[in-house]
Full PDB file with SEQRES, HELIX, SHEET, SSBOND, CRYST1, ORIGX, SCALE, CONECT and MASTER records, all heavy atoms in Angstrom:
SEQRES   1 A   34  ASP SER SER ASP THR THR ALA ARG VAL LEU GLY VAL VAL          
SEQRES   2 A   34  GLY ILE VAL VAL GLY VAL ALA GLY VAL ALA TYR GLY VAL          
SEQRES   3 A   34  LEU ALA GLY ARG ARG ARG THR SER                              
HELIX    1 AA1 SER A    2  THR A   33  1                                  32    
CRYST1    1.000    1.000    1.000  90.00  90.00  90.00 P 1           1          
ORIGX1      1.000000  0.000000  0.000000        0.00000                         
ORIGX2      0.000000  1.000000  0.000000        0.00000                         
ORIGX3      0.000000  0.000000  1.000000        0.00000                         
SCALE1      1.000000  0.000000  0.000000        0.00000                         
SCALE2      0.000000  1.000000  0.000000        0.00000                         
SCALE3      0.000000  0.000000  1.000000        0.00000                         
ATOM      1  N   ASP A   1      11.343  22.471   3.880  1.00  0.00           N  
ATOM      2  CA  ASP A   1      10.065  23.172   3.793  1.00  0.00           C  
ATOM      3  C   ASP A   1       8.910  22.210   3.580  1.00  0.00           C  
ATOM      4  O   ASP A   1       9.086  21.034   3.367  1.00  0.00           O  
ATOM      5  CB  ASP A   1      10.092  24.245   2.692  1.00  0.00           C  
ATOM      6  CG  ASP A   1      10.467  23.664   1.348  1.00  0.00           C  
ATOM      7  OD1 ASP A   1      10.147  22.484   1.105  1.00  0.00           O  
ATOM      8  OD2 ASP A   1      11.076  24.386   0.546  1.00  0.00           O  
ATOM      9  N   SER A   2       7.690  22.768   3.643  1.00  0.00           N  
ATOM     10  CA  SER A   2       6.488  21.934   3.627  1.00  0.00           C  
ATOM     11  C   SER A   2       6.331  21.135   2.351  1.00  0.00           C  
ATOM     12  O   SER A   2       5.765  20.058   2.362  1.00  0.00           O  
ATOM     13  CB  SER A   2       5.250  22.821   3.832  1.00  0.00           C  
ATOM     14  OG  SER A   2       5.163  23.792   2.820  1.00  0.00           O  
ATOM     15  N   SER A   3       6.831  21.651   1.232  1.00  0.00           N  
ATOM     16  CA  SER A   3       6.701  20.904  -0.022  1.00  0.00           C  
ATOM     17  C   SER A   3       7.497  19.623   0.037  1.00  0.00           C  
ATOM     18  O   SER A   3       7.074  18.579  -0.462  1.00  0.00           O  
ATOM     19  CB  SER A   3       7.164  21.748  -1.206  1.00  0.00           C  
ATOM     20  OG  SER A   3       8.535  22.065  -1.080  1.00  0.00           O  
ATOM     21  N   ASP A   4       8.672  19.656   0.658  1.00  0.00           N  
ATOM     22  CA  ASP A   4       9.469  18.451   0.810  1.00  0.00           C  
ATOM     23  C   ASP A   4       8.743  17.451   1.686  1.00  0.00           C  
ATOM     24  O   ASP A   4       8.669  16.261   1.380  1.00  0.00           O  
ATOM     25  CB  ASP A   4      10.821  18.785   1.434  1.00  0.00           C  
ATOM     26  CG  ASP A   4      11.673  19.629   0.505  1.00  0.00           C  
ATOM     27  OD1 ASP A   4      11.234  19.831  -0.629  1.00  0.00           O  
ATOM     28  OD2 ASP A   4      12.757  20.067   0.935  1.00  0.00           O  
ATOM     29  N   THR A   5       8.197  17.928   2.805  1.00  0.00           N  
ATOM     30  CA  THR A   5       7.498  17.046   3.732  1.00  0.00           C  
ATOM     31  C   THR A   5       6.293  16.402   3.066  1.00  0.00           C  
ATOM     32  O   THR A   5       6.042  15.210   3.217  1.00  0.00           O  
ATOM     33  CB  THR A   5       7.039  17.845   4.971  1.00  0.00           C  
ATOM     34  OG1 THR A   5       8.177  18.442   5.570  1.00  0.00           O  
ATOM     35  CG2 THR A   5       6.333  16.934   5.967  1.00  0.00           C  
ATOM     36  N   THR A   6       5.544  17.214   2.309  1.00  0.00           N  
ATOM     37  CA  THR A   6       4.372  16.682   1.608  1.00  0.00           C  
ATOM     38  C   THR A   6       4.755  15.586   0.640  1.00  0.00           C  
ATOM     39  O   THR A   6       4.101  14.545   0.541  1.00  0.00           O  
ATOM     40  CB  THR A   6       3.659  17.812   0.843  1.00  0.00           C  
ATOM     41  OG1 THR A   6       3.272  18.814   1.773  1.00  0.00           O  
ATOM     42  CG2 THR A   6       2.430  17.284   0.126  1.00  0.00           C  
ATOM     43  N   ALA A   7       5.865  15.809  -0.084  1.00  0.00           N  
ATOM     44  CA  ALA A   7       6.319  14.808  -1.050  1.00  0.00           C  
ATOM     45  C   ALA A   7       6.668  13.502  -0.351  1.00  0.00           C  
ATOM     46  O   ALA A   7       6.322  12.413  -0.815  1.00  0.00           O  
ATOM     47  CB  ALA A   7       7.528  15.339  -1.816  1.00  0.00           C  
ATOM     48  N   ARG A   8       7.339  13.586   0.788  1.00  0.00           N  
ATOM     49  CA  ARG A   8       7.718  12.378   1.518  1.00  0.00           C  
ATOM     50  C   ARG A   8       6.474  11.644   2.035  1.00  0.00           C  
ATOM     51  O   ARG A   8       6.399  10.416   1.997  1.00  0.00           O  
ATOM     52  CB  ARG A   8       8.648  12.753   2.680  1.00  0.00           C  
ATOM     53  CG  ARG A   8       9.993  13.283   2.236  1.00  0.00           C  
ATOM     54  CD  ARG A   8      10.837  13.701   3.436  1.00  0.00           C  
ATOM     55  NE  ARG A   8      12.076  14.343   3.019  1.00  0.00           N  
ATOM     56  CZ  ARG A   8      13.190  13.688   2.763  1.00  0.00           C  
ATOM     57  NH1 ARG A   8      13.215  12.380   2.864  1.00  0.00           N  
ATOM     58  NH2 ARG A   8      14.279  14.359   2.394  1.00  0.00           N  
ATOM     59  N   VAL A   9       5.508  12.439   2.562  1.00  0.00           N  
ATOM     60  CA  VAL A   9       4.269  11.830   3.069  1.00  0.00           C  
ATOM     61  C   VAL A   9       3.530  11.105   1.956  1.00  0.00           C  
ATOM     62  O   VAL A   9       3.046   9.975   2.123  1.00  0.00           O  
ATOM     63  CB  VAL A   9       3.366  12.911   3.706  1.00  0.00           C  
ATOM     64  CG1 VAL A   9       1.993  12.321   4.035  1.00  0.00           C  
ATOM     65  CG2 VAL A   9       4.019  13.446   4.975  1.00  0.00           C  
ATOM     66  N   LEU A  10       3.455  11.740   0.798  1.00  0.00           N  
ATOM     67  CA  LEU A  10       2.789  11.101  -0.344  1.00  0.00           C  
ATOM     68  C   LEU A  10       3.496   9.813  -0.733  1.00  0.00           C  
ATOM     69  O   LEU A  10       2.870   8.816  -1.110  1.00  0.00           O  
ATOM     70  CB  LEU A  10       2.760  12.074  -1.532  1.00  0.00           C  
ATOM     71  CG  LEU A  10       1.793  13.256  -1.419  1.00  0.00           C  
ATOM     72  CD1 LEU A  10       1.955  14.180  -2.616  1.00  0.00           C  
ATOM     73  CD2 LEU A  10       0.354  12.759  -1.337  1.00  0.00           C  
ATOM     74  N   GLY A  11       4.817   9.817  -0.645  1.00  0.00           N  
ATOM     75  CA  GLY A  11       5.575   8.616  -0.983  1.00  0.00           C  
ATOM     76  C   GLY A  11       5.239   7.486  -0.029  1.00  0.00           C  
ATOM     77  O   GLY A  11       5.030   6.349  -0.443  1.00  0.00           O  
ATOM     78  N   VAL A  12       5.165   7.791   1.268  1.00  0.00           N  
ATOM     79  CA  VAL A  12       4.824   6.763   2.266  1.00  0.00           C  
ATOM     80  C   VAL A  12       3.415   6.251   2.043  1.00  0.00           C  
ATOM     81  O   VAL A  12       3.153   5.038   2.120  1.00  0.00           O  
ATOM     82  CB  VAL A  12       4.975   7.343   3.691  1.00  0.00           C  
ATOM     83  CG1 VAL A  12       4.481   6.338   4.716  1.00  0.00           C  
ATOM     84  CG2 VAL A  12       6.428   7.690   3.965  1.00  0.00           C  
ATOM     85  N   VAL A  13       2.481   7.162   1.769  1.00  0.00           N  
ATOM     86  CA  VAL A  13       1.085   6.761   1.505  1.00  0.00           C  
ATOM     87  C   VAL A  13       1.025   5.830   0.313  1.00  0.00           C  
ATOM     88  O   VAL A  13       0.320   4.820   0.310  1.00  0.00           O  
ATOM     89  CB  VAL A  13       0.200   8.005   1.262  1.00  0.00           C  
ATOM     90  CG1 VAL A  13      -1.181   7.568   0.780  1.00  0.00           C  
ATOM     91  CG2 VAL A  13       0.071   8.790   2.550  1.00  0.00           C  
ATOM     92  N   GLY A  14       1.789   6.153  -0.722  1.00  0.00           N  
ATOM     93  CA  GLY A  14       1.792   5.302  -1.910  1.00  0.00           C  
ATOM     94  C   GLY A  14       2.278   3.911  -1.599  1.00  0.00           C  
ATOM     95  O   GLY A  14       1.739   2.905  -2.089  1.00  0.00           O  
ATOM     96  N   ILE A  15       3.337   3.801  -0.766  1.00  0.00           N  
ATOM     97  CA  ILE A  15       3.870   2.487  -0.398  1.00  0.00           C  
ATOM     98  C   ILE A  15       2.830   1.691   0.375  1.00  0.00           C  
ATOM     99  O   ILE A  15       2.624   0.505   0.137  1.00  0.00           O  
ATOM    100  CB  ILE A  15       5.154   2.660   0.430  1.00  0.00           C  
ATOM    101  CG1 ILE A  15       6.257   3.268  -0.445  1.00  0.00           C  
ATOM    102  CG2 ILE A  15       5.606   1.324   0.998  1.00  0.00           C  
ATOM    103  CD1 ILE A  15       7.521   3.584   0.315  1.00  0.00           C  
ATOM    104  N   VAL A  16       2.159   2.377   1.332  1.00  0.00           N  
ATOM    105  CA  VAL A  16       1.136   1.702   2.132  1.00  0.00           C  
ATOM    106  C   VAL A  16       0.024   1.168   1.241  1.00  0.00           C  
ATOM    107  O   VAL A  16      -0.439   0.040   1.398  1.00  0.00           O  
ATOM    108  CB  VAL A  16       0.555   2.669   3.199  1.00  0.00           C  
ATOM    109  CG1 VAL A  16      -0.634   2.019   3.903  1.00  0.00           C  
ATOM    110  CG2 VAL A  16       1.634   3.012   4.208  1.00  0.00           C  
ATOM    111  N   VAL A  17      -0.411   1.982   0.276  1.00  0.00           N  
ATOM    112  CA  VAL A  17      -1.469   1.544  -0.642  1.00  0.00           C  
ATOM    113  C   VAL A  17      -1.029   0.317  -1.418  1.00  0.00           C  
ATOM    114  O   VAL A  17      -1.772  -0.648  -1.606  1.00  0.00           O  
ATOM    115  CB  VAL A  17      -1.832   2.689  -1.603  1.00  0.00           C  
ATOM    116  CG1 VAL A  17      -2.791   2.185  -2.681  1.00  0.00           C  
ATOM    117  CG2 VAL A  17      -2.510   3.825  -0.835  1.00  0.00           C  
ATOM    118  N   GLY A  18       0.222   0.339  -1.891  1.00  0.00           N  
ATOM    119  CA  GLY A  18       0.728  -0.787  -2.661  1.00  0.00           C  
ATOM    120  C   GLY A  18       0.787  -2.057  -1.839  1.00  0.00           C  
ATOM    121  O   GLY A  18       0.380  -3.127  -2.276  1.00  0.00           O  
ATOM    122  N   VAL A  19       1.297  -1.963  -0.605  1.00  0.00           N  
ATOM    123  CA  VAL A  19       1.398  -3.135   0.261  1.00  0.00           C  
ATOM    124  C   VAL A  19       0.016  -3.687   0.590  1.00  0.00           C  
ATOM    125  O   VAL A  19      -0.209  -4.901   0.599  1.00  0.00           O  
ATOM    126  CB  VAL A  19       2.149  -2.773   1.557  1.00  0.00           C  
ATOM    127  CG1 VAL A  19       2.086  -3.923   2.549  1.00  0.00           C  
ATOM    128  CG2 VAL A  19       3.598  -2.451   1.233  1.00  0.00           C  
ATOM    129  N   ALA A  20      -0.917  -2.772   0.859  1.00  0.00           N  
ATOM    130  CA  ALA A  20      -2.281  -3.214   1.168  1.00  0.00           C  
ATOM    131  C   ALA A  20      -2.897  -3.963  -0.012  1.00  0.00           C  
ATOM    132  O   ALA A  20      -3.578  -4.972   0.152  1.00  0.00           O  
ATOM    133  CB  ALA A  20      -3.142  -2.004   1.540  1.00  0.00           C  
ATOM    134  N   GLY A  21      -2.632  -3.474  -1.215  1.00  0.00           N  
ATOM    135  CA  GLY A  21      -3.174  -4.138  -2.398  1.00  0.00           C  
ATOM    136  C   GLY A  21      -2.614  -5.534  -2.567  1.00  0.00           C  
ATOM    137  O   GLY A  21      -3.324  -6.483  -2.891  1.00  0.00           O  
ATOM    138  N   VAL A  22      -1.305  -5.680  -2.358  1.00  0.00           N  
ATOM    139  CA  VAL A  22      -0.679  -7.004  -2.481  1.00  0.00           C  
ATOM    140  C   VAL A  22      -1.240  -7.958  -1.441  1.00  0.00           C  
ATOM    141  O   VAL A  22      -1.550  -9.117  -1.717  1.00  0.00           O  
ATOM    142  CB  VAL A  22       0.861  -6.871  -2.318  1.00  0.00           C  
ATOM    143  CG1 VAL A  22       1.491  -8.257  -2.255  1.00  0.00           C  
ATOM    144  CG2 VAL A  22       1.435  -6.088  -3.477  1.00  0.00           C  
ATOM    145  N   ALA A  23      -1.352  -7.466  -0.180  1.00  0.00           N  
ATOM    146  CA  ALA A  23      -1.881  -8.302   0.898  1.00  0.00           C  
ATOM    147  C   ALA A  23      -3.303  -8.770   0.596  1.00  0.00           C  
ATOM    148  O   ALA A  23      -3.664  -9.927   0.822  1.00  0.00           O  
ATOM    149  CB  ALA A  23      -1.845  -7.536   2.216  1.00  0.00           C  
ATOM    150  N   TYR A  24      -4.111  -7.862   0.070  1.00  0.00           N  
ATOM    151  CA  TYR A  24      -5.491  -8.201  -0.266  1.00  0.00           C  
ATOM    152  C   TYR A  24      -5.534  -9.295  -1.313  1.00  0.00           C  
ATOM    153  O   TYR A  24      -6.311 -10.247  -1.239  1.00  0.00           O  
ATOM    154  CB  TYR A  24      -6.230  -6.968  -0.750  1.00  0.00           C  
ATOM    155  CG  TYR A  24      -7.689  -7.226  -1.098  1.00  0.00           C  
ATOM    156  CD1 TYR A  24      -8.670  -7.241  -0.094  1.00  0.00           C  
ATOM    157  CD2 TYR A  24      -8.074  -7.479  -2.403  1.00  0.00           C  
ATOM    158  CE1 TYR A  24      -9.983  -7.486  -0.409  1.00  0.00           C  
ATOM    159  CE2 TYR A  24      -9.391  -7.731  -2.725  1.00  0.00           C  
ATOM    160  CZ  TYR A  24     -10.348  -7.735  -1.725  1.00  0.00           C  
ATOM    161  OH  TYR A  24     -11.642  -7.981  -2.048  1.00  0.00           O  
ATOM    162  N   GLY A  25      -4.660  -9.172  -2.302  1.00  0.00           N  
ATOM    163  CA  GLY A  25      -4.624 -10.166  -3.367  1.00  0.00           C  
ATOM    164  C   GLY A  25      -4.232 -11.528  -2.837  1.00  0.00           C  
ATOM    165  O   GLY A  25      -4.788 -12.562  -3.228  1.00  0.00           O  
ATOM    166  N   VAL A  26      -3.242 -11.585  -1.942  1.00  0.00           N  
ATOM    167  CA  VAL A  26      -2.804 -12.863  -1.385  1.00  0.00           C  
ATOM    168  C   VAL A  26      -3.910 -13.509  -0.562  1.00  0.00           C  
ATOM    169  O   VAL A  26      -4.185 -14.706  -0.672  1.00  0.00           O  
ATOM    170  CB  VAL A  26      -1.550 -12.645  -0.502  1.00  0.00           C  
ATOM    171  CG1 VAL A  26      -1.204 -13.925   0.244  1.00  0.00           C  
ATOM    172  CG2 VAL A  26      -0.386 -12.209  -1.383  1.00  0.00           C  
ATOM    173  N   LEU A  27      -4.568 -12.720   0.295  1.00  0.00           N  
ATOM    174  CA  LEU A  27      -5.641 -13.253   1.127  1.00  0.00           C  
ATOM    175  C   LEU A  27      -6.803 -13.775   0.277  1.00  0.00           C  
ATOM    176  O   LEU A  27      -7.383 -14.823   0.567  1.00  0.00           O  
ATOM    177  CB  LEU A  27      -6.130 -12.178   2.099  1.00  0.00           C  
ATOM    178  CG  LEU A  27      -5.141 -11.778   3.201  1.00  0.00           C  
ATOM    179  CD1 LEU A  27      -5.693 -10.598   4.001  1.00  0.00           C  
ATOM    180  CD2 LEU A  27      -4.887 -12.972   4.123  1.00  0.00           C  
ATOM    181  N   ALA A  28      -7.121 -13.015  -0.770  1.00  0.00           N  
ATOM    182  CA  ALA A  28      -8.226 -13.445  -1.636  1.00  0.00           C  
ATOM    183  C   ALA A  28      -7.884 -14.775  -2.310  1.00  0.00           C  
ATOM    184  O   ALA A  28      -8.720 -15.649  -2.470  1.00  0.00           O  
ATOM    185  CB  ALA A  28      -8.517 -12.363  -2.668  1.00  0.00           C  
ATOM    186  N   GLY A  29      -6.605 -14.904  -2.706  1.00  0.00           N  
ATOM    187  CA  GLY A  29      -6.193 -16.142  -3.352  1.00  0.00           C  
ATOM    188  C   GLY A  29      -6.291 -17.333  -2.393  1.00  0.00           C  
ATOM    189  O   GLY A  29      -6.690 -18.432  -2.772  1.00  0.00           O  
ATOM    190  N   ARG A  30      -5.919 -17.127  -1.129  1.00  0.00           N  
ATOM    191  CA  ARG A  30      -5.981 -18.211  -0.149  1.00  0.00           C  
ATOM    192  C   ARG A  30      -7.422 -18.611   0.117  1.00  0.00           C  
ATOM    193  O   ARG A  30      -7.732 -19.813   0.308  1.00  0.00           O  
ATOM    194  CB  ARG A  30      -5.340 -17.748   1.156  1.00  0.00           C  
ATOM    195  CG  ARG A  30      -3.806 -17.649   1.034  1.00  0.00           C  
ATOM    196  CD  ARG A  30      -3.192 -17.186   2.343  1.00  0.00           C  
ATOM    197  NE  ARG A  30      -1.758 -17.144   2.271  1.00  0.00           N  
ATOM    198  CZ  ARG A  30      -0.979 -16.709   3.257  1.00  0.00           C  
ATOM    199  NH1 ARG A  30      -1.538 -16.283   4.410  1.00  0.00           N  
ATOM    200  NH2 ARG A  30       0.337 -16.687   3.117  1.00  0.00           N  
ATOM    201  N   ARG A  31      -8.334 -17.624   0.134  1.00  0.00           N  
ATOM    202  CA  ARG A  31      -9.744 -17.961   0.365  1.00  0.00           C  
ATOM    203  C   ARG A  31     -10.304 -18.845  -0.741  1.00  0.00           C  
ATOM    204  O   ARG A  31     -11.028 -19.793  -0.505  1.00  0.00           O  
ATOM    205  CB  ARG A  31     -10.563 -16.680   0.491  1.00  0.00           C  
ATOM    206  CG  ARG A  31     -10.292 -15.909   1.769  1.00  0.00           C  
ATOM    207  CD  ARG A  31     -10.983 -14.576   1.755  1.00  0.00           C  
ATOM    208  NE  ARG A  31     -10.700 -13.820   2.984  1.00  0.00           N  
ATOM    209  CZ  ARG A  31     -11.061 -12.553   3.144  1.00  0.00           C  
ATOM    210  NH1 ARG A  31     -11.728 -11.906   2.189  1.00  0.00           N  
ATOM    211  NH2 ARG A  31     -10.774 -11.925   4.293  1.00  0.00           N  
ATOM    212  N   ARG A  32      -9.922 -18.506  -1.989  1.00  0.00           N  
ATOM    213  CA  ARG A  32     -10.425 -19.313  -3.114  1.00  0.00           C  
ATOM    214  C   ARG A  32      -9.858 -20.746  -3.031  1.00  0.00           C  
ATOM    215  O   ARG A  32     -10.530 -21.717  -3.352  1.00  0.00           O  
ATOM    216  CB  ARG A  32     -10.037 -18.657  -4.441  1.00  0.00           C  
ATOM    217  CG  ARG A  32     -10.823 -17.385  -4.740  1.00  0.00           C  
ATOM    218  CD  ARG A  32     -10.725 -17.029  -6.238  1.00  0.00           C  
ATOM    219  NE  ARG A  32      -9.341 -16.879  -6.611  1.00  0.00           N  
ATOM    220  CZ  ARG A  32      -8.692 -15.732  -6.553  1.00  0.00           C  
ATOM    221  NH1 ARG A  32      -9.304 -14.650  -6.098  1.00  0.00           N  
ATOM    222  NH2 ARG A  32      -7.422 -15.660  -6.928  1.00  0.00           N  
ATOM    223  N   THR A  33      -8.609 -20.870  -2.591  1.00  0.00           N  
ATOM    224  CA  THR A  33      -7.979 -22.170  -2.528  1.00  0.00           C  
ATOM    225  C   THR A  33      -8.613 -23.054  -1.457  1.00  0.00           C  
ATOM    226  O   THR A  33      -8.826 -24.262  -1.626  1.00  0.00           O  
ATOM    227  CB  THR A  33      -6.477 -22.027  -2.220  1.00  0.00           C  
ATOM    228  OG1 THR A  33      -5.889 -21.226  -3.228  1.00  0.00           O  
ATOM    229  CG2 THR A  33      -5.781 -23.387  -2.181  1.00  0.00           C  
ATOM    230  N   SER A  34      -8.934 -22.422  -0.306  1.00  0.00           N  
ATOM    231  CA  SER A  34      -9.505 -23.177   0.804  1.00  0.00           C  
ATOM    232  C   SER A  34     -10.980 -23.480   0.628  1.00  0.00           C  
ATOM    233  O   SER A  34     -11.563 -24.265   1.375  1.00  0.00           O  
ATOM    234  CB  SER A  34      -9.298 -22.417   2.122  1.00  0.00           C  
ATOM    235  OG  SER A  34      -9.936 -21.156   2.061  1.00  0.00           O  
TER     236      SER A  34                                                      
MASTER        0    0    0    1    0    0    0    6  235    1    0    3          
END                                                                             
């Protein structure tokens, strides 16, 4: 049912947000180093 689907979608969104945050942090660190 839709509640299950919504929960899975939210889980994927959360993972994407987390990965984006890590990537941003790494790029920012490289800019400061260079």
